[in-house]
Amino acid sequence: MLLRLPDRWFFGGLLIAAVLMIALAAVWPQGIGARSPAPFGHAVIIPDYVKVDEKKAKARKDILRAARAARERASGGIQAPDALPAEKSR
């Protein structure tokens, strides 16, 4: 037996659910973004794995910068062209 639900109750319930979800999304913390308002607010703590990834990215940039500087010194100040896309994948 199917339960018959009037359209006004069904769509009224959907409206209330939508409003509640929007209100919750407005105050719920969103990752490492800005701090949320009072009931959900907390200090932002950056996880260790993010810090490690940032250190790896910085080290990679430093290595590339040093390699580029060495390439320029070796070429007598003439900028050597970067590798072609086909060479980078090797």
Protein backbone atom coordinates (compact mmCIF):
# COMPACT_ATOMS: atom_id res chain seq x y z
CA MET A 1 0.00 0.00 0.00
CA LEU A 2 1.37 3.36 -1.03
CA LEU A 3 1.23 6.24 1.42
CA ARG A 4 -0.34 9.26 -0.23
CA LEU A 5 1.33 12.49 0.80
CA PRO A 6 -0.24 15.80 -0.20
CA ASP A 7 1.94 17.92 -2.48
CA ARG A 8 1.82 20.85 -0.05
CA TRP A 9 3.40 18.74 2.71
CA PHE A 10 6.00 17.19 0.42
CA PHE A 11 7.17 20.43 -1.20
CA GLY A 12 6.84 22.32 2.08
CA GLY A 13 9.14 19.74 3.67
CA LEU A 14 11.57 20.05 0.78
CA LEU A 15 11.59 23.84 1.23
CA ILE A 16 12.33 23.55 4.95
CA ALA A 17 15.08 20.97 4.28
CA ALA A 18 16.66 23.24 1.63
CA VAL A 19 16.62 26.28 3.94
CA LEU A 20 18.19 24.22 6.77
CA MET A 21 20.93 22.89 4.48
CA ILE A 22 21.75 26.38 3.22
CA ALA A 23 21.87 27.72 6.79
CA LEU A 24 24.14 24.87 7.87
CA ALA A 25 26.44 25.40 4.87
CA ALA A 26 26.75 29.08 5.83
CA VAL A 27 28.22 28.28 9.26
CA TRP A 28 29.92 24.88 8.87
CA PRO A 29 33.73 24.97 8.59
CA GLN A 30 34.96 24.57 5.03
CA GLY A 31 38.38 22.90 5.20
CA ILE A 32 41.36 25.19 5.76
CA GLY A 33 39.45 28.30 4.69
CA ALA A 34 38.27 31.21 6.78
CA ARG A 35 37.19 30.66 10.37
CA SER A 36 33.50 29.86 10.85
CA PRO A 37 31.08 31.84 13.06
CA ALA A 38 30.48 31.17 16.76
CA PRO A 39 28.93 27.73 17.21
CA PHE A 40 31.33 25.99 14.83
CA GLY A 41 34.32 28.37 14.92
CA HIS A 42 37.74 27.00 15.73
CA ALA A 43 41.35 27.92 15.21
CA VAL A 44 42.69 26.85 11.83
CA ILE A 45 45.25 24.07 12.18
CA ILE A 46 47.19 23.13 9.07
CA PRO A 47 47.72 19.36 8.96
CA ASP A 48 51.26 17.98 8.88
CA TYR A 49 50.81 16.40 5.46
CA VAL A 50 50.04 19.84 4.00
CA LYS A 51 53.18 21.29 5.57
CA VAL A 52 55.27 18.43 4.16
CA ASP A 53 53.80 18.96 0.68
CA GLU A 54 54.58 22.68 0.90
CA LYS A 55 58.18 21.93 1.91
CA LYS A 56 58.55 19.47 -0.99
CA ALA A 57 57.18 22.03 -3.45
CA LYS A 58 59.54 24.72 -2.13
CA ALA A 59 62.52 22.36 -2.36
CA ARG A 60 61.55 21.43 -5.92
CA LYS A 61 61.33 25.12 -6.88
CA ASP A 62 64.74 25.80 -5.30
CA ILE A 63 66.31 22.91 -7.22
CA LEU A 64 64.83 24.12 -10.51
CA ARG A 65 65.94 27.70 -9.80
CA ALA A 66 69.50 26.53 -9.03
CA ALA A 67 69.59 24.36 -12.18
CA ARG A 68 68.40 27.28 -14.30
CA ALA A 69 71.05 29.57 -12.77
CA ALA A 70 73.76 26.95 -13.41
CA ARG A 71 72.59 26.55 -16.99
CA GLU A 72 72.76 30.32 -17.50
CA ARG A 73 76.26 30.50 -15.98
CA ALA A 74 77.43 27.62 -18.19
CA SER A 75 76.08 29.27 -21.32
CA GLY A 76 77.84 32.57 -20.59
CA GLY A 77 74.71 34.47 -19.64
CA ILE A 78 72.74 33.39 -22.69
CA GLN A 79 69.49 31.85 -21.58
CA ALA A 80 69.26 28.24 -22.62
CA PRO A 81 65.81 27.20 -23.84
CA ASP A 82 63.73 25.03 -21.54
CA ALA A 83 63.26 21.42 -22.47
CA LEU A 84 60.64 20.58 -25.05
CA PRO A 85 57.41 19.00 -23.71
CA ALA A 86 58.47 15.63 -25.19
CA GLU A 87 61.75 15.77 -23.27
CA LYS A 88 60.11 16.67 -19.96
CA SER A 89 58.11 13.43 -19.82
CA ARG A 90 61.26 11.27 -19.90
